[in-house]
Amino acid sequence: MAQTLATINSDLYLDKFGNIAIKRDLESVIQSCEEVAKTRLGEMVLNLDGGIPFFETIFNGVPNQVQFDSAIRSALLQEDGVLEVVSLVTSVSNFTLNYNAIIRTIYGVGIISGEING
């Protein structure tokens, strides 16, 4: 069973009983994938090689969407419980990157989506 502390906008919150909220199984894996998709390369103090190279692929000069898609797909596949990235759709407009992914996990299928501003 997978479990993690539940977050909303990267903040912990309390459940209806006043305890720190926990996500389990599919919700846990999908939350981890959402966090990975938003993590910028070099921002993790103890893992400078981890994260998505947003600026190197999308927001620096000529956007290289193929390189970005490969990086995010690879990062998602490294998450515990992820079996396959079924679909990944990205677009860039006005220095904003939008992404939608369908992810097959050992607990079922989930969807992540978001936007990153350059």
PDB file of N, CA and C in Angstrom:
ATOM      1  N   MET A   1       0.841  -1.179   0.000  1.00  0.00           N
ATOM      2  CA  MET A   1       0.000   0.000   0.000  1.00  0.00           C
ATOM      3  C   MET A   1       0.889   1.247   0.000  1.00  0.00           C
ATOM      4  N   ALA A   2       0.646   2.129  -0.949  1.00  0.00           N
ATOM      5  CA  ALA A   2       1.368   3.403  -1.000  1.00  0.00           C
ATOM      6  C   ALA A   2       0.601   4.432  -0.184  1.00  0.00           C
ATOM      7  N   GLN A   3       1.340   5.280   0.506  1.00  0.00           N
ATOM      8  CA  GLN A   3       0.694   6.392   1.200  1.00  0.00           C
ATOM      9  C   GLN A   3       1.661   7.550   1.340  1.00  0.00           C
ATOM     10  N   THR A   4       1.104   8.735   1.394  1.00  0.00           N
ATOM     11  CA  THR A   4       1.899   9.940   1.533  1.00  0.00           C
ATOM     12  C   THR A   4       1.073  11.009   2.236  1.00  0.00           C
ATOM     13  N   LEU A   5       1.739  12.005   2.759  1.00  0.00           N
ATOM     14  CA  LEU A   5       1.018  13.127   3.351  1.00  0.00           C
ATOM     15  C   LEU A   5       0.284  13.859   2.238  1.00  0.00           C
ATOM     16  N   ALA A   6      -0.975  14.152   2.452  1.00  0.00           N
ATOM     17  CA  ALA A   6      -1.786  14.827   1.443  1.00  0.00           C
ATOM     18  C   ALA A   6      -1.459  16.318   1.413  1.00  0.00           C
ATOM     19  N   THR A   7      -1.456  16.876   0.223  1.00  0.00           N
ATOM     20  CA  THR A   7      -1.206  18.311   0.070  1.00  0.00           C
ATOM     21  C   THR A   7      -2.214  18.936  -0.881  1.00  0.00           C
ATOM     22  N   ILE A   8      -2.404  20.211  -0.693  1.00  0.00           N
ATOM     23  CA  ILE A   8      -3.143  21.056  -1.634  1.00  0.00           C
ATOM     24  C   ILE A   8      -2.224  22.239  -1.919  1.00  0.00           C
ATOM     25  N   ASN A   9      -1.879  22.433  -3.178  1.00  0.00           N
ATOM     26  CA  ASN A   9      -0.928  23.487  -3.559  1.00  0.00           C
ATOM     27  C   ASN A   9       0.369  23.383  -2.755  1.00  0.00           C
ATOM     28  N   SER A  10       0.844  22.176  -2.566  1.00  0.00           N
ATOM     29  CA  SER A  10       2.086  21.866  -1.846  1.00  0.00           C
ATOM     30  C   SER A  10       2.014  22.119  -0.345  1.00  0.00           C
ATOM     31  N   ASP A  11       0.836  22.375   0.190  1.00  0.00           N
ATOM     32  CA  ASP A  11       0.669  22.595   1.629  1.00  0.00           C
ATOM     33  C   ASP A  11      -0.048  21.416   2.266  1.00  0.00           C
ATOM     34  N   LEU A  12       0.430  20.988   3.418  1.00  0.00           N
ATOM     35  CA  LEU A  12      -0.259  19.957   4.177  1.00  0.00           C
ATOM     36  C   LEU A  12      -1.592  20.510   4.669  1.00  0.00           C
ATOM     37  N   TYR A  13      -2.544  19.625   4.911  1.00  0.00           N
ATOM     38  CA  TYR A  13      -3.823  20.069   5.463  1.00  0.00           C
ATOM     39  C   TYR A  13      -4.360  19.006   6.407  1.00  0.00           C
ATOM     40  N   LEU A  14      -5.374  19.372   7.165  1.00  0.00           N
ATOM     41  CA  LEU A  14      -5.972  18.461   8.134  1.00  0.00           C
ATOM     42  C   LEU A  14      -7.227  17.829   7.563  1.00  0.00           C
ATOM     43  N   ASP A  15      -7.464  16.564   7.924  1.00  0.00           N
ATOM     44  CA  ASP A  15      -8.687  15.902   7.481  1.00  0.00           C
ATOM     45  C   ASP A  15      -9.860  16.347   8.362  1.00  0.00           C
ATOM     46  N   LYS A  16     -11.027  15.764   8.131  1.00  0.00           N
ATOM     47  CA  LYS A  16     -12.226  16.199   8.863  1.00  0.00           C
ATOM     48  C   LYS A  16     -12.170  15.879  10.356  1.00  0.00           C
ATOM     49  N   PHE A  17     -11.191  15.043  10.766  1.00  0.00           N
ATOM     50  CA  PHE A  17     -11.035  14.710  12.177  1.00  0.00           C
ATOM     51  C   PHE A  17      -9.935  15.529  12.845  1.00  0.00           C
ATOM     52  N   GLY A  18      -9.311  16.430  12.091  1.00  0.00           N
ATOM     53  CA  GLY A  18      -8.251  17.263  12.639  1.00  0.00           C
ATOM     54  C   GLY A  18      -6.867  16.643  12.573  1.00  0.00           C
ATOM     55  N   ASN A  19      -6.736  15.520  11.893  1.00  0.00           N
ATOM     56  CA  ASN A  19      -5.442  14.866  11.726  1.00  0.00           C
ATOM     57  C   ASN A  19      -4.806  15.311  10.411  1.00  0.00           C
ATOM     58  N   ILE A  20      -3.482  15.171  10.320  1.00  0.00           N
ATOM     59  CA  ILE A  20      -2.820  15.452   9.050  1.00  0.00           C
ATOM     60  C   ILE A  20      -3.373  14.476   8.021  1.00  0.00           C
ATOM     61  N   ALA A  21      -3.833  15.012   6.892  1.00  0.00           N
ATOM     62  CA  ALA A  21      -4.472  14.188   5.865  1.00  0.00           C
ATOM     63  C   ALA A  21      -3.440  13.295   5.175  1.00  0.00           C
ATOM     64  N   ILE A  22      -3.876  12.097   4.828  1.00  0.00           N
ATOM     65  CA  ILE A  22      -3.039  11.093   4.163  1.00  0.00           C
ATOM     66  C   ILE A  22      -3.724  10.688   2.858  1.00  0.00           C
ATOM     67  N   LYS A  23      -2.929  10.503   1.821  1.00  0.00           N
ATOM     68  CA  LYS A  23      -3.443   9.930   0.576  1.00  0.00           C
ATOM     69  C   LYS A  23      -2.841   8.544   0.435  1.00  0.00           C
ATOM     70  N   ARG A  24      -3.662   7.624  -0.089  1.00  0.00           N
ATOM     71  CA  ARG A  24      -3.232   6.233  -0.218  1.00  0.00           C
ATOM     72  C   ARG A  24      -3.409   5.745  -1.649  1.00  0.00           C
ATOM     73  N   ASP A  25      -2.633   4.747  -1.998  1.00  0.00           N
ATOM     74  CA  ASP A  25      -2.739   4.011  -3.256  1.00  0.00           C
ATOM     75  C   ASP A  25      -2.768   4.943  -4.472  1.00  0.00           C
ATOM     76  N   LEU A  26      -3.806   4.893  -5.299  1.00  0.00           N
ATOM     77  CA  LEU A  26      -3.834   5.683  -6.529  1.00  0.00           C
ATOM     78  C   LEU A  26      -3.668   7.174  -6.247  1.00  0.00           C
ATOM     79  N   GLU A  27      -4.378   7.685  -5.246  1.00  0.00           N
ATOM     80  CA  GLU A  27      -4.264   9.115  -4.924  1.00  0.00           C
ATOM     81  C   GLU A  27      -2.841   9.484  -4.520  1.00  0.00           C
ATOM     82  N   SER A  28      -2.171   8.601  -3.800  1.00  0.00           N
ATOM     83  CA  SER A  28      -0.795   8.839  -3.367  1.00  0.00           C
ATOM     84  C   SER A  28       0.154   8.905  -4.561  1.00  0.00           C
ATOM     85  N   VAL A  29       0.043   7.938  -5.469  1.00  0.00           N
ATOM     86  CA  VAL A  29       0.931   7.909  -6.642  1.00  0.00           C
ATOM     87  C   VAL A  29       0.665   9.108  -7.543  1.00  0.00           C
ATOM     88  N   ILE A  30      -0.599   9.448  -7.754  1.00  0.00           N
ATOM     89  CA  ILE A  30      -0.931  10.588  -8.617  1.00  0.00           C
ATOM     90  C   ILE A  30      -0.417  11.887  -7.998  1.00  0.00           C
ATOM     91  N   GLN A  31      -0.552  12.047  -6.684  1.00  0.00           N
ATOM     92  CA  GLN A  31      -0.020  13.251  -6.043  1.00  0.00           C
ATOM     93  C   GLN A  31       1.487  13.332  -6.229  1.00  0.00           C
ATOM     94  N   SER A  32       2.183  12.214  -6.085  1.00  0.00           N
ATOM     95  CA  SER A  32       3.636  12.208  -6.300  1.00  0.00           C
ATOM     96  C   SER A  32       3.969  12.608  -7.730  1.00  0.00           C
ATOM     97  N   CYS A  33       3.193  12.123  -8.690  1.00  0.00           N
ATOM     98  CA  CYS A  33       3.417  12.486 -10.091  1.00  0.00           C
ATOM     99  C   CYS A  33       3.165  13.977 -10.323  1.00  0.00           C
ATOM    100  N   GLU A  34       2.151  14.530  -9.678  1.00  0.00           N
ATOM    101  CA  GLU A  34       1.880  15.967  -9.795  1.00  0.00           C
ATOM    102  C   GLU A  34       3.056  16.781  -9.265  1.00  0.00           C
ATOM    103  N   GLU A  35       3.616  16.346  -8.147  1.00  0.00           N
ATOM    104  CA  GLU A  35       4.754  17.051  -7.561  1.00  0.00           C
ATOM    105  C   GLU A  35       5.989  16.952  -8.454  1.00  0.00           C
ATOM    106  N   VAL A  36       6.235  15.768  -9.014  1.00  0.00           N
ATOM    107  CA  VAL A  36       7.380  15.571  -9.910  1.00  0.00           C
ATOM    108  C   VAL A  36       7.252  16.468 -11.146  1.00  0.00           C
ATOM    109  N   ALA A  37       6.046  16.555 -11.686  1.00  0.00           N
ATOM    110  CA  ALA A  37       5.831  17.346 -12.908  1.00  0.00           C
ATOM    111  C   ALA A  37       6.080  18.838 -12.684  1.00  0.00           C
ATOM    112  N   LYS A  38       5.988  19.298 -11.443  1.00  0.00           N
ATOM    113  CA  LYS A  38       6.186  20.724 -11.135  1.00  0.00           C
ATOM    114  C   LYS A  38       7.582  21.039 -10.608  1.00  0.00           C
ATOM    115  N   THR A  39       8.385  20.028 -10.353  1.00  0.00           N
ATOM    116  CA  THR A  39       9.705  20.234  -9.765  1.00  0.00           C
ATOM    117  C   THR A  39      10.704  20.656 -10.826  1.00  0.00           C
ATOM    118  N   ARG A  40      11.305  21.807 -10.642  1.00  0.00           N
ATOM    119  CA  ARG A  40      12.284  22.326 -11.601  1.00  0.00           C
ATOM    120  C   ARG A  40      13.652  21.702 -11.356  1.00  0.00           C
ATOM    121  N   LEU A  41      14.344  21.446 -12.438  1.00  0.00           N
ATOM    122  CA  LEU A  41      15.698  20.906 -12.355  1.00  0.00           C
ATOM    123  C   LEU A  41      16.565  21.782 -11.472  1.00  0.00           C
ATOM    124  N   GLY A  42      17.235  21.168 -10.502  1.00  0.00           N
ATOM    125  CA  GLY A  42      18.158  21.886  -9.636  1.00  0.00           C
ATOM    126  C   GLY A  42      17.542  22.492  -8.395  1.00  0.00           C
ATOM    127  N   GLU A  43      16.224  22.422  -8.220  1.00  0.00           N
ATOM    128  CA  GLU A  43      15.619  23.072  -7.057  1.00  0.00           C
ATOM    129  C   GLU A  43      15.652  22.223  -5.795  1.00  0.00           C
ATOM    130  N   MET A  44      15.894  20.923  -5.930  1.00  0.00           N
ATOM    131  CA  MET A  44      15.959  20.066  -4.747  1.00  0.00           C
ATOM    132  C   MET A  44      17.381  20.097  -4.195  1.00  0.00           C
ATOM    133  N   VAL A  45      17.525  20.543  -2.977  1.00  0.00           N
ATOM    134  CA  VAL A  45      18.833  20.746  -2.363  1.00  0.00           C
ATOM    135  C   VAL A  45      19.648  19.460  -2.298  1.00  0.00           C
ATOM    136  N   LEU A  46      19.011  18.351  -2.011  1.00  0.00           N
ATOM    137  CA  LEU A  46      19.739  17.094  -1.857  1.00  0.00           C
ATOM    138  C   LEU A  46      19.773  16.249  -3.127  1.00  0.00           C
ATOM    139  N   ASN A  47      19.159  16.730  -4.205  1.00  0.00           N
ATOM    140  CA  ASN A  47      19.165  16.000  -5.479  1.00  0.00           C
ATOM    141  C   ASN A  47      19.146  17.010  -6.623  1.00  0.00           C
ATOM    142  N   LEU A  48      20.275  17.624  -6.887  1.00  0.00           N
ATOM    143  CA  LEU A  48      20.335  18.677  -7.902  1.00  0.00           C
ATOM    144  C   LEU A  48      20.113  18.163  -9.319  1.00  0.00           C
ATOM    145  N   ASP A  49      20.234  16.848  -9.528  1.00  0.00           N
ATOM    146  CA  ASP A  49      19.984  16.273 -10.847  1.00  0.00           C
ATOM    147  C   ASP A  49      18.516  15.941 -11.065  1.00  0.00           C
ATOM    148  N   GLY A  50      17.711  16.001 -10.017  1.00  0.00           N
ATOM    149  CA  GLY A  50      16.295  15.679 -10.123  1.00  0.00           C
ATOM    150  C   GLY A  50      15.487  16.878 -10.564  1.00  0.00           C
ATOM    151  N   GLY A  51      14.363  16.611 -11.187  1.00  0.00           N
ATOM    152  CA  GLY A  51      13.475  17.678 -11.623  1.00  0.00           C
ATOM    153  C   GLY A  51      13.413  17.783 -13.135  1.00  0.00           C
ATOM    154  N   ILE A  52      12.523  18.619 -13.601  1.00  0.00           N
ATOM    155  CA  ILE A  52      12.258  18.787 -15.029  1.00  0.00           C
ATOM    156  C   ILE A  52      13.014  20.015 -15.535  1.00  0.00           C
ATOM    157  N   PRO A  53      13.726  19.900 -16.654  1.00  0.00           N
ATOM    158  CA  PRO A  53      14.494  21.037 -17.189  1.00  0.00           C
ATOM    159  C   PRO A  53      13.614  22.029 -17.963  1.00  0.00           C
ATOM    160  N   PHE A  54      12.750  22.738 -17.254  1.00  0.00           N
ATOM    161  CA  PHE A  54      11.841  23.688 -17.905  1.00  0.00           C
ATOM    162  C   PHE A  54      12.599  24.752 -18.693  1.00  0.00           C
ATOM    163  N   PHE A  55      13.551  25.390 -18.050  1.00  0.00           N
ATOM    164  CA  PHE A  55      14.237  26.514 -18.682  1.00  0.00           C
ATOM    165  C   PHE A  55      15.176  26.067 -19.797  1.00  0.00           C
ATOM    166  N   GLU A  56      15.777  24.901 -19.633  1.00  0.00           N
ATOM    167  CA  GLU A  56      16.703  24.402 -20.641  1.00  0.00           C
ATOM    168  C   GLU A  56      15.972  23.911 -21.891  1.00  0.00           C
ATOM    169  N   THR A  57      14.716  23.505 -21.767  1.00  0.00           N
ATOM    170  CA  THR A  57      14.001  22.931 -22.910  1.00  0.00           C
ATOM    171  C   THR A  57      12.897  23.823 -23.468  1.00  0.00           C
ATOM    172  N   ILE A  58      12.205  24.554 -22.629  1.00  0.00           N
ATOM    173  CA  ILE A  58      11.023  25.291 -23.075  1.00  0.00           C
ATOM    174  C   ILE A  58      11.200  26.804 -23.019  1.00  0.00           C
ATOM    175  N   PHE A  59      11.736  27.334 -21.921  1.00  0.00           N
ATOM    176  CA  PHE A  59      11.735  28.776 -21.700  1.00  0.00           C
ATOM    177  C   PHE A  59      13.064  29.458 -22.013  1.00  0.00           C
ATOM    178  N   ASN A  60      13.943  28.803 -22.751  1.00  0.00           N
ATOM    179  CA  ASN A  60      15.250  29.382 -23.053  1.00  0.00           C
ATOM    180  C   ASN A  60      15.481  29.304 -24.560  1.00  0.00           C
ATOM    181  N   GLY A  61      15.350  30.409 -25.253  1.00  0.00           N
ATOM    182  CA  GLY A  61      15.578  30.419 -26.695  1.00  0.00           C
ATOM    183  C   GLY A  61      14.454  29.729 -27.432  1.00  0.00           C
ATOM    184  N   VAL A  62      14.817  28.826 -28.329  1.00  0.00           N
ATOM    185  CA  VAL A  62      13.825  28.098 -29.119  1.00  0.00           C
ATOM    186  C   VAL A  62      13.317  26.905 -28.309  1.00  0.00           C
ATOM    187  N   PRO A  63      12.012  26.829 -28.041  1.00  0.00           N
ATOM    188  CA  PRO A  63      11.488  25.716 -27.244  1.00  0.00           C
ATOM    189  C   PRO A  63      11.734  24.369 -27.918  1.00  0.00           C
ATOM    190  N   ASN A  64      12.181  23.404 -27.146  1.00  0.00           N
ATOM    191  CA  ASN A  64      12.387  22.049 -27.635  1.00  0.00           C
ATOM    192  C   ASN A  64      11.397  21.147 -26.907  1.00  0.00           C
ATOM    193  N   GLN A  65      10.184  21.100 -27.444  1.00  0.00           N
ATOM    194  CA  GLN A  65       9.105  20.384 -26.788  1.00  0.00           C
ATOM    195  C   GLN A  65       9.354  18.882 -26.741  1.00  0.00           C
ATOM    196  N   VAL A  66      10.024  18.334 -27.740  1.00  0.00           N
ATOM    197  CA  VAL A  66      10.327  16.899 -27.746  1.00  0.00           C
ATOM    198  C   VAL A  66      11.233  16.551 -26.570  1.00  0.00           C
ATOM    199  N   GLN A  67      12.232  17.370 -26.332  1.00  0.00           N
ATOM    200  CA  GLN A  67      13.140  17.145 -25.208  1.00  0.00           C
ATOM    201  C   GLN A  67      12.394  17.267 -23.877  1.00  0.00           C
ATOM    202  N   PHE A  68      11.524  18.271 -23.779  1.00  0.00           N
ATOM    203  CA  PHE A  68      10.739  18.445 -22.557  1.00  0.00           C
ATOM    204  C   PHE A  68       9.835  17.242 -22.321  1.00  0.00           C
ATOM    205  N   ASP A  69       9.098  16.832 -23.364  1.00  0.00           N
ATOM    206  CA  ASP A  69       8.188  15.693 -23.222  1.00  0.00           C
ATOM    207  C   ASP A  69       8.944  14.449 -22.758  1.00  0.00           C
ATOM    208  N   SER A  70      10.119  14.237 -23.303  1.00  0.00           N
ATOM    209  CA  SER A  70      10.941  13.093 -22.912  1.00  0.00           C
ATOM    210  C   SER A  70      11.343  13.190 -21.444  1.00  0.00           C
ATOM    211  N   ALA A  71      11.717  14.381 -20.997  1.00  0.00           N
ATOM    212  CA  ALA A  71      12.141  14.575 -19.604  1.00  0.00           C
ATOM    213  C   ALA A  71      10.998  14.337 -18.629  1.00  0.00           C
ATOM    214  N   ILE A  72       9.828  14.869 -18.928  1.00  0.00           N
ATOM    215  CA  ILE A  72       8.706  14.695 -17.991  1.00  0.00           C
ATOM    216  C   ILE A  72       8.220  13.247 -17.994  1.00  0.00           C
ATOM    217  N   ARG A  73       8.195  12.625 -19.167  1.00  0.00           N
ATOM    218  CA  ARG A  73       7.791  11.218 -19.252  1.00  0.00           C
ATOM    219  C   ARG A  73       8.750  10.341 -18.433  1.00  0.00           C
ATOM    220  N   SER A  74      10.034  10.582 -18.579  1.00  0.00           N
ATOM    221  CA  SER A  74      11.048   9.819 -17.848  1.00  0.00           C
ATOM    222  C   SER A  74      10.901  10.008 -16.339  1.00  0.00           C
ATOM    223  N   ALA A  75      10.666  11.252 -15.904  1.00  0.00           N
ATOM    224  CA  ALA A  75      10.508  11.528 -14.472  1.00  0.00           C
ATOM    225  C   ALA A  75       9.274  10.829 -13.908  1.00  0.00           C
ATOM    226  N   LEU A  76       8.180  10.840 -14.649  1.00  0.00           N
ATOM    227  CA  LEU A  76       6.958  10.190 -14.186  1.00  0.00           C
ATOM    228  C   LEU A  76       7.153   8.681 -14.072  1.00  0.00           C
ATOM    229  N   LEU A  77       7.852   8.094 -15.033  1.00  0.00           N
ATOM    230  CA  LEU A  77       8.072   6.644 -15.020  1.00  0.00           C
ATOM    231  C   LEU A  77       8.977   6.188 -13.870  1.00  0.00           C
ATOM    232  N   GLN A  78       9.741   7.104 -13.301  1.00  0.00           N
ATOM    233  CA  GLN A  78      10.613   6.766 -12.178  1.00  0.00           C
ATOM    234  C   GLN A  78       9.876   6.734 -10.842  1.00  0.00           C
ATOM    235  N   GLU A  79       8.651   7.232 -10.830  1.00  0.00           N
ATOM    236  CA  GLU A  79       7.888   7.248  -9.576  1.00  0.00           C
ATOM    237  C   GLU A  79       7.423   5.839  -9.222  1.00  0.00           C
ATOM    238  N   ASP A  80       7.525   5.489  -7.932  1.00  0.00           N
ATOM    239  CA  ASP A  80       7.067   4.183  -7.461  1.00  0.00           C
ATOM    240  C   ASP A  80       5.592   4.003  -7.791  1.00  0.00           C
ATOM    241  N   GLY A  81       5.261   2.863  -8.353  1.00  0.00           N
ATOM    242  CA  GLY A  81       3.873   2.541  -8.655  1.00  0.00           C
ATOM    243  C   GLY A  81       3.422   2.902 -10.055  1.00  0.00           C
ATOM    244  N   VAL A  82       4.206   3.682 -10.785  1.00  0.00           N
ATOM    245  CA  VAL A  82       3.829   4.062 -12.151  1.00  0.00           C
ATOM    246  C   VAL A  82       4.262   2.958 -13.111  1.00  0.00           C
ATOM    247  N   LEU A  83       3.324   2.499 -13.915  1.00  0.00           N
ATOM    248  CA  LEU A  83       3.603   1.464 -14.904  1.00  0.00           C
ATOM    249  C   LEU A  83       3.794   2.039 -16.301  1.00  0.00           C
ATOM    250  N   GLU A  84       3.015   3.100 -16.622  1.00  0.00           N
ATOM    251  CA  GLU A  84       3.027   3.619 -17.988  1.00  0.00           C
ATOM    252  C   GLU A  84       2.465   5.035 -18.018  1.00  0.00           C
ATOM    253  N   VAL A  85       3.053   5.853 -18.870  1.00  0.00           N
ATOM    254  CA  VAL A  85       2.454   7.145 -19.193  1.00  0.00           C
ATOM    255  C   VAL A  85       1.661   6.894 -20.475  1.00  0.00           C
ATOM    256  N   VAL A  86       0.360   6.746 -20.331  1.00  0.00           N
ATOM    257  CA  VAL A  86      -0.504   6.384 -21.441  1.00  0.00           C
ATOM    258  C   VAL A  86      -0.563   7.512 -22.464  1.00  0.00           C
ATOM    259  N   SER A  87      -0.666   8.734 -21.968  1.00  0.00           N
ATOM    260  CA  SER A  87      -0.786   9.894 -22.844  1.00  0.00           C
ATOM    261  C   SER A  87      -0.133  11.089 -22.169  1.00  0.00           C
ATOM    262  N   LEU A  88       0.555  11.891 -22.960  1.00  0.00           N
ATOM    263  CA  LEU A  88       1.138  13.135 -22.467  1.00  0.00           C
ATOM    264  C   LEU A  88       0.948  14.190 -23.551  1.00  0.00           C
ATOM    265  N   VAL A  89       0.225  15.240 -23.220  1.00  0.00           N
ATOM    266  CA  VAL A  89      -0.026  16.326 -24.155  1.00  0.00           C
ATOM    267  C   VAL A  89       0.486  17.613 -23.522  1.00  0.00           C
ATOM    268  N   THR A  90       1.383  18.306 -24.226  1.00  0.00           N
ATOM    269  CA  THR A  90       1.924  19.568 -23.728  1.00  0.00           C
ATOM    270  C   THR A  90       1.732  20.648 -24.779  1.00  0.00           C
ATOM    271  N   SER A  91       1.643  21.879 -24.303  1.00  0.00           N
ATOM    272  CA  SER A  91       1.583  23.023 -25.215  1.00  0.00           C
ATOM    273  C   SER A  91       2.228  24.217 -24.530  1.00  0.00           C
ATOM    274  N   VAL A  92       2.780  25.104 -25.341  1.00  0.00           N
ATOM    275  CA  VAL A  92       3.424  26.306 -24.823  1.00  0.00           C
ATOM    276  C   VAL A  92       2.804  27.510 -25.508  1.00  0.00           C
ATOM    277  N   SER A  93       2.410  28.495 -24.697  1.00  0.00           N
ATOM    278  CA  SER A  93       1.835  29.721 -25.232  1.00  0.00           C
ATOM    279  C   SER A  93       2.118  30.857 -24.260  1.00  0.00           C
ATOM    280  N   ASN A  94       2.668  31.956 -24.767  1.00  0.00           N
ATOM    281  CA  ASN A  94       2.939  33.139 -23.937  1.00  0.00           C
ATOM    282  C   ASN A  94       3.699  32.804 -22.654  1.00  0.00           C
ATOM    283  N   PHE A  95       4.786  32.046 -22.775  1.00  0.00           N
ATOM    284  CA  PHE A  95       5.636  31.674 -21.648  1.00  0.00           C
ATOM    285  C   PHE A  95       4.905  30.869 -20.578  1.00  0.00           C
ATOM    286  N   THR A  96       3.859  30.161 -20.985  1.00  0.00           N
ATOM    287  CA  THR A  96       3.151  29.255 -20.085  1.00  0.00           C
ATOM    288  C   THR A  96       3.112  27.878 -20.720  1.00  0.00           C
ATOM    289  N   LEU A  97       3.542  26.898 -19.962  1.00  0.00           N
ATOM    290  CA  LEU A  97       3.527  25.509 -20.407  1.00  0.00           C
ATOM    291  C   LEU A  97       2.325  24.824 -19.769  1.00  0.00           C
ATOM    292  N   ASN A  98       1.505  24.214 -20.582  1.00  0.00           N
ATOM    293  CA  ASN A  98       0.368  23.427 -20.094  1.00  0.00           C
ATOM    294  C   ASN A  98       0.639  21.957 -20.368  1.00  0.00           C
ATOM    295  N   TYR A  99       0.256  21.112 -19.429  1.00  0.00           N
ATOM    296  CA  TYR A  99       0.445  19.677 -19.639  1.00  0.00           C
ATOM    297  C   TYR A  99      -0.736  18.892 -19.094  1.00  0.00           C
ATOM    298  N   ASN A 100      -1.013  17.773 -19.733  1.00  0.00           N
ATOM    299  CA  ASN A 100      -2.022  16.812 -19.295  1.00  0.00           C
ATOM    300  C   ASN A 100      -1.437  15.433 -19.522  1.00  0.00           C
ATOM    301  N   ALA A 101      -1.541  14.581 -18.517  1.00  0.00           N
ATOM    302  CA  ALA A 101      -1.013  13.225 -18.656  1.00  0.00           C
ATOM    303  C   ALA A 101      -1.992  12.229 -18.059  1.00  0.00           C
ATOM    304  N   ILE A 102      -2.119  11.112 -18.741  1.00  0.00           N
ATOM    305  CA  ILE A 102      -2.863   9.975 -18.216  1.00  0.00           C
ATOM    306  C   ILE A 102      -1.813   8.947 -17.820  1.00  0.00           C
ATOM    307  N   ILE A 103      -1.888   8.508 -16.568  1.00  0.00           N
ATOM    308  CA  ILE A 103      -0.853   7.645 -16.004  1.00  0.00           C
ATOM    309  C   ILE A 103      -1.487   6.357 -15.496  1.00  0.00           C
ATOM    310  N   ARG A 104      -0.944   5.235 -15.944  1.00  0.00           N
ATOM    311  CA  ARG A 104      -1.400   3.929 -15.456  1.00  0.00           C
ATOM    312  C   ARG A 104      -0.481   3.507 -14.320  1.00  0.00           C
ATOM    313  N   THR A 105      -1.067   3.192 -13.183  1.00  0.00           N
ATOM    314  CA  THR A 105      -0.306   2.801 -11.997  1.00  0.00           C
ATOM    315  C   THR A 105      -0.705   1.387 -11.583  1.00  0.00           C
ATOM    316  N   ILE A 106      -0.037   0.870 -10.575  1.00  0.00           N
ATOM    317  CA  ILE A 106      -0.396  -0.445 -10.062  1.00  0.00           C
ATOM    318  C   ILE A 106      -1.758  -0.415  -9.366  1.00  0.00           C
ATOM    319  N   TYR A 107      -2.297   0.786  -9.108  1.00  0.00           N
ATOM    320  CA  TYR A 107      -3.585   0.940  -8.436  1.00  0.00           C
ATOM    321  C   TYR A 107      -4.706   1.350  -9.384  1.00  0.00           C
ATOM    322  N   GLY A 108      -4.394   1.595 -10.648  1.00  0.00           N
ATOM    323  CA  GLY A 108      -5.394   2.054 -11.604  1.00  0.00           C
ATOM    324  C   GLY A 108      -4.846   3.222 -12.421  1.00  0.00           C
ATOM    325  N   VAL A 109      -5.748   3.919 -13.069  1.00  0.00           N
ATOM    326  CA  VAL A 109      -5.377   5.016 -13.965  1.00  0.00           C
ATOM    327  C   VAL A 109      -5.738   6.349 -13.324  1.00  0.00           C
ATOM    328  N   GLY A 110      -4.841   7.317 -13.464  1.00  0.00           N
ATOM    329  CA  GLY A 110      -5.086   8.658 -12.946  1.00  0.00           C
ATOM    330  C   GLY A 110      -4.657   9.702 -13.945  1.00  0.00           C
ATOM    331  N   ILE A 111      -5.065  10.925 -13.700  1.00  0.00           N
ATOM    332  CA  ILE A 111      -4.771  12.043 -14.601  1.00  0.00           C
ATOM    333  C   ILE A 111      -4.110  13.161 -13.811  1.00  0.00           C
ATOM    334  N   ILE A 112      -3.082  13.758 -14.406  1.00  0.00           N
ATOM    335  CA  ILE A 112      -2.497  14.981 -13.842  1.00  0.00           C
ATOM    336  C   ILE A 112      -2.552  16.047 -14.915  1.00  0.00           C
ATOM    337  N   SER A 113      -2.658  17.276 -14.478  1.00  0.00           N
ATOM    338  CA  SER A 113      -2.615  18.400 -15.417  1.00  0.00           C
ATOM    339  C   SER A 113      -2.152  19.631 -14.645  1.00  0.00           C
ATOM    340  N   GLY A 114      -1.623  20.579 -15.383  1.00  0.00           N
ATOM    341  CA  GLY A 114      -1.172  21.795 -14.739  1.00  0.00           C
ATOM    342  C   GLY A 114      -0.553  22.755 -15.719  1.00  0.00           C
ATOM    343  N   GLU A 115      -0.053  23.840 -15.156  1.00  0.00           N
ATOM    344  CA  GLU A 115       0.652  24.814 -15.975  1.00  0.00           C
ATOM    345  C   GLU A 115       1.852  25.353 -15.220  1.00  0.00           C
ATOM    346  N   ILE A 116       2.870  25.647 -15.976  1.00  0.00           N
ATOM    347  CA  ILE A 116       4.107  26.189 -15.430  1.00  0.00           C
ATOM    348  C   ILE A 116       4.359  27.504 -16.148  1.00  0.00           C
ATOM    349  N   ASN A 117       4.594  28.559 -15.398  1.00  0.00           N
ATOM    350  CA  ASN A 117       4.877  29.852 -15.997  1.00  0.00           C
ATOM    351  C   ASN A 117       6.373  30.071 -16.060  1.00  0.00           C
ATOM    352  N   GLY A 118       6.834  30.533 -17.234  1.00  0.00           N
ATOM    353  CA  GLY A 118       8.266  30.748 -17.437  1.00  0.00           C
ATOM    354  C   GLY A 118       8.675  32.018 -16.953  1.00  0.00           C
TER     355      GLY A 118
END
